[in-house]
Every structure is written in structure tokens, then in C-alpha cells.
Amino acid sequence: EVSFALPAAAIALVQTEISLGSDPKQVDILVEATAVDGLHA
């Protein structure tokens, strides 16, 4: 919340297209949080 990096929290953006969301079957990067849709962004 106060804009400090959390440990081990970097996500490398190496692909030309990266999907983010909470459903591991639909996304490249898993963001496990209740307010994040299966395929969010």
C-alpha cells in the first residue's frame, strides 16, 4: 500500500503478449486475489 516492493514479487515481462488473472488455465501470470477475474487483463 505504501509503494514499497514486496520480496520476490517481480514478474518478468518476456513474452510479447501476457495475460494476467486468477485462473491458472486462462492466464500466463497468476494473480491470486478475490477481486481479480479469471482473465483480468
PDB file of all heavy atoms in Angstrom:
ATOM      1  N   GLU A   1       0.806  -1.221   0.000  1.00  0.00           N
ATOM      2  CA  GLU A   1       0.000   0.000   0.000  1.00  0.00           C
ATOM      3  C   GLU A   1       0.836   1.266   0.000  1.00  0.00           C
ATOM      4  O   GLU A   1       0.440   2.270  -0.539  1.00  0.00           O
ATOM      5  CB  GLU A   1      -0.941   0.007   1.212  1.00  0.00           C
ATOM      6  CG  GLU A   1      -2.048  -1.027   1.119  1.00  0.00           C
ATOM      7  CD  GLU A   1      -3.023  -0.756  -0.002  1.00  0.00           C
ATOM      8  OE1 GLU A   1      -3.356   0.414  -0.252  1.00  0.00           O
ATOM      9  OE2 GLU A   1      -3.462  -1.725  -0.642  1.00  0.00           O
ATOM     10  N   VAL A   2       2.016   1.216   0.578  1.00  0.00           N
ATOM     11  CA  VAL A   2       2.847   2.417   0.658  1.00  0.00           C
ATOM     12  C   VAL A   2       3.928   2.431  -0.423  1.00  0.00           C
ATOM     13  O   VAL A   2       4.902   3.137  -0.318  1.00  0.00           O
ATOM     14  CB  VAL A   2       3.480   2.570   2.060  1.00  0.00           C
ATOM     15  CG1 VAL A   2       2.430   2.888   3.097  1.00  0.00           C
ATOM     16  CG2 VAL A   2       4.243   1.319   2.439  1.00  0.00           C
ATOM     17  N   SER A   3       3.731   1.650  -1.476  1.00  0.00           N
ATOM     18  CA  SER A   3       4.590   1.626  -2.664  1.00  0.00           C
ATOM     19  C   SER A   3       6.003   1.101  -2.434  1.00  0.00           C
ATOM     20  O   SER A   3       6.926   1.502  -3.119  1.00  0.00           O
ATOM     21  CB  SER A   3       4.643   3.012  -3.310  1.00  0.00           C
ATOM     22  OG  SER A   3       3.372   3.365  -3.761  1.00  0.00           O
ATOM     23  N   PHE A   4       6.172   0.211  -1.482  1.00  0.00           N
ATOM     24  CA  PHE A   4       7.452  -0.468  -1.325  1.00  0.00           C
ATOM     25  C   PHE A   4       7.346  -1.823  -2.002  1.00  0.00           C
ATOM     26  O   PHE A   4       6.334  -2.500  -1.903  1.00  0.00           O
ATOM     27  CB  PHE A   4       7.805  -0.666   0.159  1.00  0.00           C
ATOM     28  CG  PHE A   4       8.078   0.616   0.877  1.00  0.00           C
ATOM     29  CD1 PHE A   4       7.209   1.083   1.848  1.00  0.00           C
ATOM     30  CD2 PHE A   4       9.202   1.370   0.570  1.00  0.00           C
ATOM     31  CE1 PHE A   4       7.452   2.270   2.511  1.00  0.00           C
ATOM     32  CE2 PHE A   4       9.462   2.562   1.227  1.00  0.00           C
ATOM     33  CZ  PHE A   4       8.583   3.014   2.196  1.00  0.00           C
ATOM     34  N   ALA A   5       8.378  -2.231  -2.694  1.00  0.00           N
ATOM     35  CA  ALA A   5       8.369  -3.526  -3.365  1.00  0.00           C
ATOM     36  C   ALA A   5       8.307  -4.646  -2.331  1.00  0.00           C
ATOM     37  O   ALA A   5       8.973  -4.586  -1.309  1.00  0.00           O
ATOM     38  CB  ALA A   5       9.612  -3.678  -4.229  1.00  0.00           C
ATOM     39  N   LEU A   6       7.500  -5.642  -2.612  1.00  0.00           N
ATOM     40  CA  LEU A   6       7.417  -6.800  -1.738  1.00  0.00           C
ATOM     41  C   LEU A   6       8.470  -7.816  -2.173  1.00  0.00           C
ATOM     42  O   LEU A   6       8.798  -7.920  -3.349  1.00  0.00           O
ATOM     43  CB  LEU A   6       6.025  -7.422  -1.824  1.00  0.00           C
ATOM     44  CG  LEU A   6       4.880  -6.516  -1.354  1.00  0.00           C
ATOM     45  CD1 LEU A   6       3.543  -7.184  -1.618  1.00  0.00           C
ATOM     46  CD2 LEU A   6       5.018  -6.193   0.121  1.00  0.00           C
ATOM     47  N   PRO A   7       9.024  -8.589  -1.247  1.00  0.00           N
ATOM     48  CA  PRO A   7      10.061  -9.557  -1.604  1.00  0.00           C
ATOM     49  C   PRO A   7       9.555 -10.586  -2.614  1.00  0.00           C
ATOM     50  O   PRO A   7       8.422 -11.025  -2.542  1.00  0.00           O
ATOM     51  CB  PRO A   7      10.420 -10.206  -0.273  1.00  0.00           C
ATOM     52  CG  PRO A   7       9.468  -9.713   0.726  1.00  0.00           C
ATOM     53  CD  PRO A   7       8.668  -8.604   0.137  1.00  0.00           C
ATOM     54  N   ALA A   8      10.404 -10.948  -3.556  1.00  0.00           N
ATOM     55  CA  ALA A   8      10.113 -11.976  -4.554  1.00  0.00           C
ATOM     56  C   ALA A   8       8.820 -11.690  -5.298  1.00  0.00           C
ATOM     57  O   ALA A   8       8.036 -12.579  -5.566  1.00  0.00           O
ATOM     58  CB  ALA A   8      10.069 -13.356  -3.906  1.00  0.00           C
ATOM     59  N   ALA A   9       8.583 -10.435  -5.619  1.00  0.00           N
ATOM     60  CA  ALA A   9       7.313 -10.078  -6.231  1.00  0.00           C
ATOM     61  C   ALA A   9       7.456  -9.508  -7.632  1.00  0.00           C
ATOM     62  O   ALA A   9       6.551  -8.892  -8.133  1.00  0.00           O
ATOM     63  CB  ALA A   9       6.592  -9.074  -5.330  1.00  0.00           C
ATOM     64  N   ALA A  10       8.584  -9.730  -8.295  1.00  0.00           N
ATOM     65  CA  ALA A  10       8.761  -9.206  -9.645  1.00  0.00           C
ATOM     66  C   ALA A  10       8.289 -10.224 -10.670  1.00  0.00           C
ATOM     67  O   ALA A  10       8.572 -11.413 -10.574  1.00  0.00           O
ATOM     68  CB  ALA A  10      10.220  -8.852  -9.894  1.00  0.00           C
ATOM     69  N   ILE A  11       7.545  -9.741 -11.657  1.00  0.00           N
ATOM     70  CA  ILE A  11       7.043 -10.566 -12.745  1.00  0.00           C
ATOM     71  C   ILE A  11       7.735 -10.101 -14.015  1.00  0.00           C
ATOM     72  O   ILE A  11       7.531  -8.972 -14.468  1.00  0.00           O
ATOM     73  CB  ILE A  11       5.514 -10.420 -12.882  1.00  0.00           C
ATOM     74  CG1 ILE A  11       4.808 -10.863 -11.599  1.00  0.00           C
ATOM     75  CG2 ILE A  11       5.017 -11.198 -14.088  1.00  0.00           C
ATOM     76  CD1 ILE A  11       3.348 -10.475 -11.534  1.00  0.00           C
ATOM     77  N   ALA A  12       8.563 -10.949 -14.590  1.00  0.00           N
ATOM     78  CA  ALA A  12       9.283 -10.603 -15.814  1.00  0.00           C
ATOM     79  C   ALA A  12       8.322 -10.618 -16.998  1.00  0.00           C
ATOM     80  O   ALA A  12       7.545 -11.563 -17.163  1.00  0.00           O
ATOM     81  CB  ALA A  12      10.412 -11.588 -16.042  1.00  0.00           C
ATOM     82  N   LEU A  13       8.372  -9.579 -17.802  1.00  0.00           N
ATOM     83  CA  LEU A  13       7.536  -9.483 -18.993  1.00  0.00           C
ATOM     84  C   LEU A  13       8.407  -9.831 -20.203  1.00  0.00           C
ATOM     85  O   LEU A  13       8.968  -8.962 -20.852  1.00  0.00           O
ATOM     86  CB  LEU A  13       6.942  -8.080 -19.112  1.00  0.00           C
ATOM     87  CG  LEU A  13       6.098  -7.610 -17.916  1.00  0.00           C
ATOM     88  CD1 LEU A  13       5.600  -6.201 -18.130  1.00  0.00           C
ATOM     89  CD2 LEU A  13       4.945  -8.565 -17.649  1.00  0.00           C
ATOM     90  N   VAL A  14       8.522 -11.122 -20.490  1.00  0.00           N
ATOM     91  CA  VAL A  14       9.415 -11.577 -21.548  1.00  0.00           C
ATOM     92  C   VAL A  14       8.677 -11.902 -22.846  1.00  0.00           C
ATOM     93  O   VAL A  14       9.275 -11.903 -23.904  1.00  0.00           O
ATOM     94  CB  VAL A  14      10.254 -12.796 -21.104  1.00  0.00           C
ATOM     95  CG1 VAL A  14      11.225 -12.405 -20.006  1.00  0.00           C
ATOM     96  CG2 VAL A  14       9.361 -13.923 -20.646  1.00  0.00           C
ATOM     97  N   GLN A  15       7.397 -12.165 -22.773  1.00  0.00           N
ATOM     98  CA  GLN A  15       6.620 -12.503 -23.959  1.00  0.00           C
ATOM     99  C   GLN A  15       6.058 -11.224 -24.584  1.00  0.00           C
ATOM    100  O   GLN A  15       5.950 -10.192 -23.928  1.00  0.00           O
ATOM    101  CB  GLN A  15       5.467 -13.438 -23.580  1.00  0.00           C
ATOM    102  CG  GLN A  15       5.932 -14.748 -22.964  1.00  0.00           C
ATOM    103  CD  GLN A  15       4.801 -15.467 -22.272  1.00  0.00           C
ATOM    104  OE1 GLN A  15       4.783 -15.536 -21.056  1.00  0.00           O
ATOM    105  NE2 GLN A  15       3.848 -15.970 -23.043  1.00  0.00           N
ATOM    106  N   THR A  16       5.656 -11.317 -25.845  1.00  0.00           N
ATOM    107  CA  THR A  16       5.056 -10.149 -26.491  1.00  0.00           C
ATOM    108  C   THR A  16       3.606  -9.953 -26.053  1.00  0.00           C
ATOM    109  O   THR A  16       3.085  -8.851 -26.145  1.00  0.00           O
ATOM    110  CB  THR A  16       5.115 -10.243 -28.028  1.00  0.00           C
ATOM    111  OG1 THR A  16       4.494 -11.452 -28.436  1.00  0.00           O
ATOM    112  CG2 THR A  16       6.549 -10.196 -28.513  1.00  0.00           C
ATOM    113  N   GLU A  17       2.959 -11.007 -25.577  1.00  0.00           N
ATOM    114  CA  GLU A  17       1.606 -10.896 -25.034  1.00  0.00           C
ATOM    115  C   GLU A  17       1.538 -11.697 -23.751  1.00  0.00           C
ATOM    116  O   GLU A  17       1.914 -12.866 -23.721  1.00  0.00           O
ATOM    117  CB  GLU A  17       0.578 -11.417 -26.036  1.00  0.00           C
ATOM    118  CG  GLU A  17      -0.840 -11.305 -25.509  1.00  0.00           C
ATOM    119  CD  GLU A  17      -1.875 -11.731 -26.529  1.00  0.00           C
ATOM    120  OE1 GLU A  17      -2.062 -10.992 -27.510  1.00  0.00           O
ATOM    121  OE2 GLU A  17      -2.466 -12.804 -26.337  1.00  0.00           O
ATOM    122  N   ILE A  18       1.056 -11.050 -22.690  1.00  0.00           N
ATOM    123  CA  ILE A  18       0.997 -11.685 -21.375  1.00  0.00           C
ATOM    124  C   ILE A  18      -0.387 -11.447 -20.800  1.00  0.00           C
ATOM    125  O   ILE A  18      -0.840 -10.300 -20.688  1.00  0.00           O
ATOM    126  CB  ILE A  18       2.073 -11.103 -20.437  1.00  0.00           C
ATOM    127  CG1 ILE A  18       3.453 -11.385 -21.023  1.00  0.00           C
ATOM    128  CG2 ILE A  18       1.948 -11.674 -19.029  1.00  0.00           C
ATOM    129  CD1 ILE A  18       4.497 -10.429 -20.605  1.00  0.00           C
ATOM    130  N   SER A  19      -1.059 -12.515 -20.422  1.00  0.00           N
ATOM    131  CA  SER A  19      -2.373 -12.400 -19.794  1.00  0.00           C
ATOM    132  C   SER A  19      -2.216 -12.547 -18.288  1.00  0.00           C
ATOM    133  O   SER A  19      -1.387 -13.314 -17.803  1.00  0.00           O
ATOM    134  CB  SER A  19      -3.336 -13.454 -20.352  1.00  0.00           C
ATOM    135  OG  SER A  19      -2.787 -14.745 -20.189  1.00  0.00           O
ATOM    136  N   LEU A  20      -3.024 -11.773 -17.556  1.00  0.00           N
ATOM    137  CA  LEU A  20      -2.979 -11.786 -16.095  1.00  0.00           C
ATOM    138  C   LEU A  20      -4.372 -12.063 -15.550  1.00  0.00           C
ATOM    139  O   LEU A  20      -5.364 -11.548 -16.072  1.00  0.00           O
ATOM    140  CB  LEU A  20      -2.497 -10.433 -15.571  1.00  0.00           C
ATOM    141  CG  LEU A  20      -1.138  -9.982 -16.058  1.00  0.00           C
ATOM    142  CD1 LEU A  20      -1.291  -8.802 -16.978  1.00  0.00           C
ATOM    143  CD2 LEU A  20      -0.274  -9.620 -14.891  1.00  0.00           C
ATOM    144  N   GLY A  21      -4.443 -12.847 -14.478  1.00  0.00           N
ATOM    145  CA  GLY A  21      -5.723 -13.133 -13.858  1.00  0.00           C
ATOM    146  C   GLY A  21      -5.584 -14.205 -12.795  1.00  0.00           C
ATOM    147  O   GLY A  21      -4.474 -14.646 -12.464  1.00  0.00           O
ATOM    148  N   SER A  22      -6.736 -14.647 -12.295  1.00  0.00           N
ATOM    149  CA  SER A  22      -6.732 -15.582 -11.170  1.00  0.00           C
ATOM    150  C   SER A  22      -6.999 -17.032 -11.566  1.00  0.00           C
ATOM    151  O   SER A  22      -7.006 -17.901 -10.706  1.00  0.00           O
ATOM    152  CB  SER A  22      -7.770 -15.131 -10.133  1.00  0.00           C
ATOM    153  OG  SER A  22      -9.067 -15.132 -10.718  1.00  0.00           O
ATOM    154  N   ASP A  23      -7.214 -17.300 -12.853  1.00  0.00           N
ATOM    155  CA  ASP A  23      -7.457 -18.670 -13.305  1.00  0.00           C
ATOM    156  C   ASP A  23      -6.220 -19.198 -14.021  1.00  0.00           C
ATOM    157  O   ASP A  23      -5.909 -18.776 -15.132  1.00  0.00           O
ATOM    158  CB  ASP A  23      -8.655 -18.702 -14.253  1.00  0.00           C
ATOM    159  CG  ASP A  23      -9.012 -20.112 -14.702  1.00  0.00           C
ATOM    160  OD1 ASP A  23      -8.228 -21.060 -14.464  1.00  0.00           O
ATOM    161  OD2 ASP A  23     -10.088 -20.264 -15.311  1.00  0.00           O
ATOM    162  N   PRO A  24      -5.512 -20.154 -13.401  1.00  0.00           N
ATOM    163  CA  PRO A  24      -4.261 -20.646 -13.995  1.00  0.00           C
ATOM    164  C   PRO A  24      -4.456 -21.304 -15.363  1.00  0.00           C
ATOM    165  O   PRO A  24      -3.510 -21.420 -16.127  1.00  0.00           O
ATOM    166  CB  PRO A  24      -3.732 -21.645 -12.964  1.00  0.00           C
ATOM    167  CG  PRO A  24      -4.892 -22.003 -12.118  1.00  0.00           C
ATOM    168  CD  PRO A  24      -5.831 -20.829 -12.145  1.00  0.00           C
ATOM    169  N   LYS A  25      -5.671 -21.705 -15.709  1.00  0.00           N
ATOM    170  CA  LYS A  25      -5.928 -22.326 -17.011  1.00  0.00           C
ATOM    171  C   LYS A  25      -6.065 -21.286 -18.124  1.00  0.00           C
ATOM    172  O   LYS A  25      -5.984 -21.629 -19.291  1.00  0.00           O
ATOM    173  CB  LYS A  25      -7.185 -23.187 -16.944  1.00  0.00           C
ATOM    174  CG  LYS A  25      -7.030 -24.378 -16.023  1.00  0.00           C
ATOM    175  CD  LYS A  25      -8.287 -25.188 -15.974  1.00  0.00           C
ATOM    176  CE  LYS A  25      -8.110 -26.353 -15.004  1.00  0.00           C
ATOM    177  NZ  LYS A  25      -9.338 -27.144 -14.883  1.00  0.00           N
ATOM    178  N   GLN A  26      -6.300 -20.005 -17.749  1.00  0.00           N
ATOM    179  CA  GLN A  26      -6.548 -18.973 -18.754  1.00  0.00           C
ATOM    180  C   GLN A  26      -5.427 -17.958 -18.906  1.00  0.00           C
ATOM    181  O   GLN A  26      -5.437 -17.186 -19.853  1.00  0.00           O
ATOM    182  CB  GLN A  26      -7.815 -18.192 -18.399  1.00  0.00           C
ATOM    183  CG  GLN A  26      -9.090 -18.979 -18.393  1.00  0.00           C
ATOM    184  CD  GLN A  26     -10.269 -18.055 -18.164  1.00  0.00           C
ATOM    185  OE1 GLN A  26     -10.515 -17.150 -18.945  1.00  0.00           O
ATOM    186  NE2 GLN A  26     -10.987 -18.282 -17.073  1.00  0.00           N
ATOM    187  N   VAL A  27      -4.483 -17.940 -17.967  1.00  0.00           N
ATOM    188  CA  VAL A  27      -3.521 -16.830 -17.941  1.00  0.00           C
ATOM    189  C   VAL A  27      -2.071 -17.302 -17.927  1.00  0.00           C
ATOM    190  O   VAL A  27      -1.771 -18.430 -17.571  1.00  0.00           O
ATOM    191  CB  VAL A  27      -3.772 -15.908 -16.718  1.00  0.00           C
ATOM    192  CG1 VAL A  27      -5.158 -15.278 -16.788  1.00  0.00           C
ATOM    193  CG2 VAL A  27      -3.580 -16.633 -15.411  1.00  0.00           C
ATOM    194  N   ASP A  28      -1.196 -16.361 -18.312  1.00  0.00           N
ATOM    195  CA  ASP A  28       0.241 -16.608 -18.235  1.00  0.00           C
ATOM    196  C   ASP A  28       0.771 -16.282 -16.847  1.00  0.00           C
ATOM    197  O   ASP A  28       1.657 -16.944 -16.338  1.00  0.00           O
ATOM    198  CB  ASP A  28       0.979 -15.736 -19.263  1.00  0.00           C
ATOM    199  CG  ASP A  28       0.519 -16.004 -20.674  1.00  0.00           C
ATOM    200  OD1 ASP A  28       0.514 -17.181 -21.081  1.00  0.00           O
ATOM    201  OD2 ASP A  28       0.141 -15.035 -21.371  1.00  0.00           O
ATOM    202  N   ILE A  29       0.231 -15.205 -16.241  1.00  0.00           N
ATOM    203  CA  ILE A  29       0.664 -14.753 -14.921  1.00  0.00           C
ATOM    204  C   ILE A  29      -0.520 -14.867 -13.960  1.00  0.00           C
ATOM    205  O   ILE A  29      -1.550 -14.220 -14.152  1.00  0.00           O
ATOM    206  CB  ILE A  29       1.163 -13.290 -14.953  1.00  0.00           C
ATOM    207  CG1 ILE A  29       2.279 -13.127 -15.982  1.00  0.00           C
ATOM    208  CG2 ILE A  29       1.577 -12.836 -13.567  1.00  0.00           C
ATOM    209  CD1 ILE A  29       3.537 -13.912 -15.692  1.00  0.00           C
ATOM    210  N   LEU A  30      -0.354 -15.669 -12.938  1.00  0.00           N
ATOM    211  CA  LEU A  30      -1.391 -15.890 -11.946  1.00  0.00           C
ATOM    212  C   LEU A  30      -1.339 -14.806 -10.874  1.00  0.00           C
ATOM    213  O   LEU A  30      -0.292 -14.578 -10.262  1.00  0.00           O
ATOM    214  CB  LEU A  30      -1.215 -17.267 -11.305  1.00  0.00           C
ATOM    215  CG  LEU A  30      -2.294 -17.728 -10.346  1.00  0.00           C
ATOM    216  CD1 LEU A  30      -3.638 -17.883 -11.068  1.00  0.00           C
ATOM    217  CD2 LEU A  30      -1.885 -19.051  -9.708  1.00  0.00           C
ATOM    218  N   VAL A  31      -2.475 -14.133 -10.666  1.00  0.00           N
ATOM    219  CA  VAL A  31      -2.603 -13.127  -9.614  1.00  0.00           C
ATOM    220  C   VAL A  31      -3.733 -13.623  -8.712  1.00  0.00           C
ATOM    221  O   VAL A  31      -4.908 -13.479  -9.024  1.00  0.00           O
ATOM    222  CB  VAL A  31      -2.930 -11.729 -10.182  1.00  0.00           C
ATOM    223  CG1 VAL A  31      -3.034 -10.704  -9.062  1.00  0.00           C
ATOM    224  CG2 VAL A  31      -1.886 -11.307 -11.213  1.00  0.00           C
ATOM    225  N   GLU A  32      -3.332 -14.249  -7.607  1.00  0.00           N
ATOM    226  CA  GLU A  32      -4.314 -14.861  -6.719  1.00  0.00           C
ATOM    227  C   GLU A  32      -4.886 -13.817  -5.767  1.00  0.00           C
ATOM    228  O   GLU A  32      -4.256 -13.464  -4.774  1.00  0.00           O
ATOM    229  CB  GLU A  32      -3.676 -16.010  -5.948  1.00  0.00           C
ATOM    230  CG  GLU A  32      -3.248 -17.146  -6.853  1.00  0.00           C
ATOM    231  CD  GLU A  32      -2.635 -18.298  -6.089  1.00  0.00           C
ATOM    232  OE1 GLU A  32      -1.475 -18.158  -5.684  1.00  0.00           O
ATOM    233  OE2 GLU A  32      -3.336 -19.309  -5.905  1.00  0.00           O
ATOM    234  N   ALA A  33      -6.070 -13.323  -6.112  1.00  0.00           N
ATOM    235  CA  ALA A  33      -6.766 -12.350  -5.275  1.00  0.00           C
ATOM    236  C   ALA A  33      -8.244 -12.412  -5.625  1.00  0.00           C
ATOM    237  O   ALA A  33      -8.605 -12.638  -6.789  1.00  0.00           O
ATOM    238  CB  ALA A  33      -6.209 -10.948  -5.511  1.00  0.00           C
ATOM    239  N   THR A  34      -9.087 -12.213  -4.634  1.00  0.00           N
ATOM    240  CA  THR A  34     -10.523 -12.345  -4.853  1.00  0.00           C
ATOM    241  C   THR A  34     -11.082 -11.294  -5.815  1.00  0.00           C
ATOM    242  O   THR A  34     -12.043 -11.561  -6.522  1.00  0.00           O
ATOM    243  CB  THR A  34     -11.287 -12.262  -3.516  1.00  0.00           C
ATOM    244  OG1 THR A  34     -10.948 -11.043  -2.870  1.00  0.00           O
ATOM    245  CG2 THR A  34     -10.944 -13.435  -2.617  1.00  0.00           C
ATOM    246  N   ALA A  35     -10.494 -10.114  -5.880  1.00  0.00           N
ATOM    247  CA  ALA A  35     -11.008  -9.055  -6.759  1.00  0.00           C
ATOM    248  C   ALA A  35     -10.445  -9.137  -8.178  1.00  0.00           C
ATOM    249  O   ALA A  35     -10.753  -8.299  -9.010  1.00  0.00           O
ATOM    250  CB  ALA A  35     -10.712  -7.685  -6.155  1.00  0.00           C
ATOM    251  N   VAL A  36      -9.640 -10.155  -8.454  1.00  0.00           N
ATOM    252  CA  VAL A  36      -9.052 -10.324  -9.782  1.00  0.00           C
ATOM    253  C   VAL A  36      -9.827 -11.421 -10.509  1.00  0.00           C
ATOM    254  O   VAL A  36      -9.981 -12.530 -10.005  1.00  0.00           O
ATOM    255  CB  VAL A  36      -7.550 -10.678  -9.681  1.00  0.00           C
ATOM    256  CG1 VAL A  36      -6.969 -10.976 -11.045  1.00  0.00           C
ATOM    257  CG2 VAL A  36      -6.796  -9.542  -9.005  1.00  0.00           C
ATOM    258  N   ASP A  37     -10.319 -11.099 -11.722  1.00  0.00           N
ATOM    259  CA  ASP A  37     -11.072 -12.060 -12.518  1.00  0.00           C
ATOM    260  C   ASP A  37     -10.165 -13.160 -13.059  1.00  0.00           C
ATOM    261  O   ASP A  37      -8.941 -12.994 -13.097  1.00  0.00           O
ATOM    262  CB  ASP A  37     -11.748 -11.356 -13.693  1.00  0.00           C
ATOM    263  CG  ASP A  37     -12.958 -10.532 -13.270  1.00  0.00           C
ATOM    264  OD1 ASP A  37     -13.209 -10.396 -12.062  1.00  0.00           O
ATOM    265  OD2 ASP A  37     -13.647 -10.021 -14.163  1.00  0.00           O
ATOM    266  N   GLY A  38     -10.774 -14.239 -13.512  1.00  0.00           N
ATOM    267  CA  GLY A  38     -10.019 -15.355 -14.076  1.00  0.00           C
ATOM    268  C   GLY A  38      -9.076 -14.901 -15.177  1.00  0.00           C
ATOM    269  O   GLY A  38      -7.905 -15.228 -15.186  1.00  0.00           O
ATOM    270  N   LEU A  39      -9.605 -14.150 -16.139  1.00  0.00           N
ATOM    271  CA  LEU A  39      -8.807 -13.487 -17.165  1.00  0.00           C
ATOM    272  C   LEU A  39      -9.101 -12.009 -17.009  1.00  0.00           C
ATOM    273  O   LEU A  39     -10.163 -11.535 -17.380  1.00  0.00           O
ATOM    274  CB  LEU A  39      -9.185 -13.975 -18.567  1.00  0.00           C
ATOM    275  CG  LEU A  39      -8.477 -13.300 -19.730  1.00  0.00           C
ATOM    276  CD1 LEU A  39      -6.964 -13.449 -19.620  1.00  0.00           C
ATOM    277  CD2 LEU A  39      -8.973 -13.868 -21.056  1.00  0.00           C
ATOM    278  N   HIS A  40      -8.189 -11.288 -16.408  1.00  0.00           N
ATOM    279  CA  HIS A  40      -8.441  -9.912 -15.972  1.00  0.00           C
ATOM    280  C   HIS A  40      -7.903  -8.869 -16.947  1.00  0.00           C
ATOM    281  O   HIS A  40      -8.593  -7.919 -17.302  1.00  0.00           O
ATOM    282  CB  HIS A  40      -7.815  -9.694 -14.585  1.00  0.00           C
ATOM    283  CG  HIS A  40      -8.272  -8.463 -13.895  1.00  0.00           C
ATOM    284  ND1 HIS A  40      -9.233  -8.485 -12.906  1.00  0.00           N
ATOM    285  CD2 HIS A  40      -7.918  -7.172 -14.041  1.00  0.00           C
ATOM    286  CE1 HIS A  40      -9.442  -7.261 -12.481  1.00  0.00           C
ATOM    287  NE2 HIS A  40      -8.659  -6.436 -13.164  1.00  0.00           N
ATOM    288  N   ALA A  41      -6.652  -9.024 -17.371  1.00  0.00           N
ATOM    289  CA  ALA A  41      -6.015  -8.009 -18.224  1.00  0.00           C
ATOM    290  C   ALA A  41      -4.967  -8.660 -19.105  1.00  0.00           C
ATOM    291  O   ALA A  41      -4.560  -9.798 -18.884  1.00  0.00           O
ATOM    292  CB  ALA A  41      -5.376  -6.921 -17.365  1.00  0.00           C
TER     293      ALA A  41
END
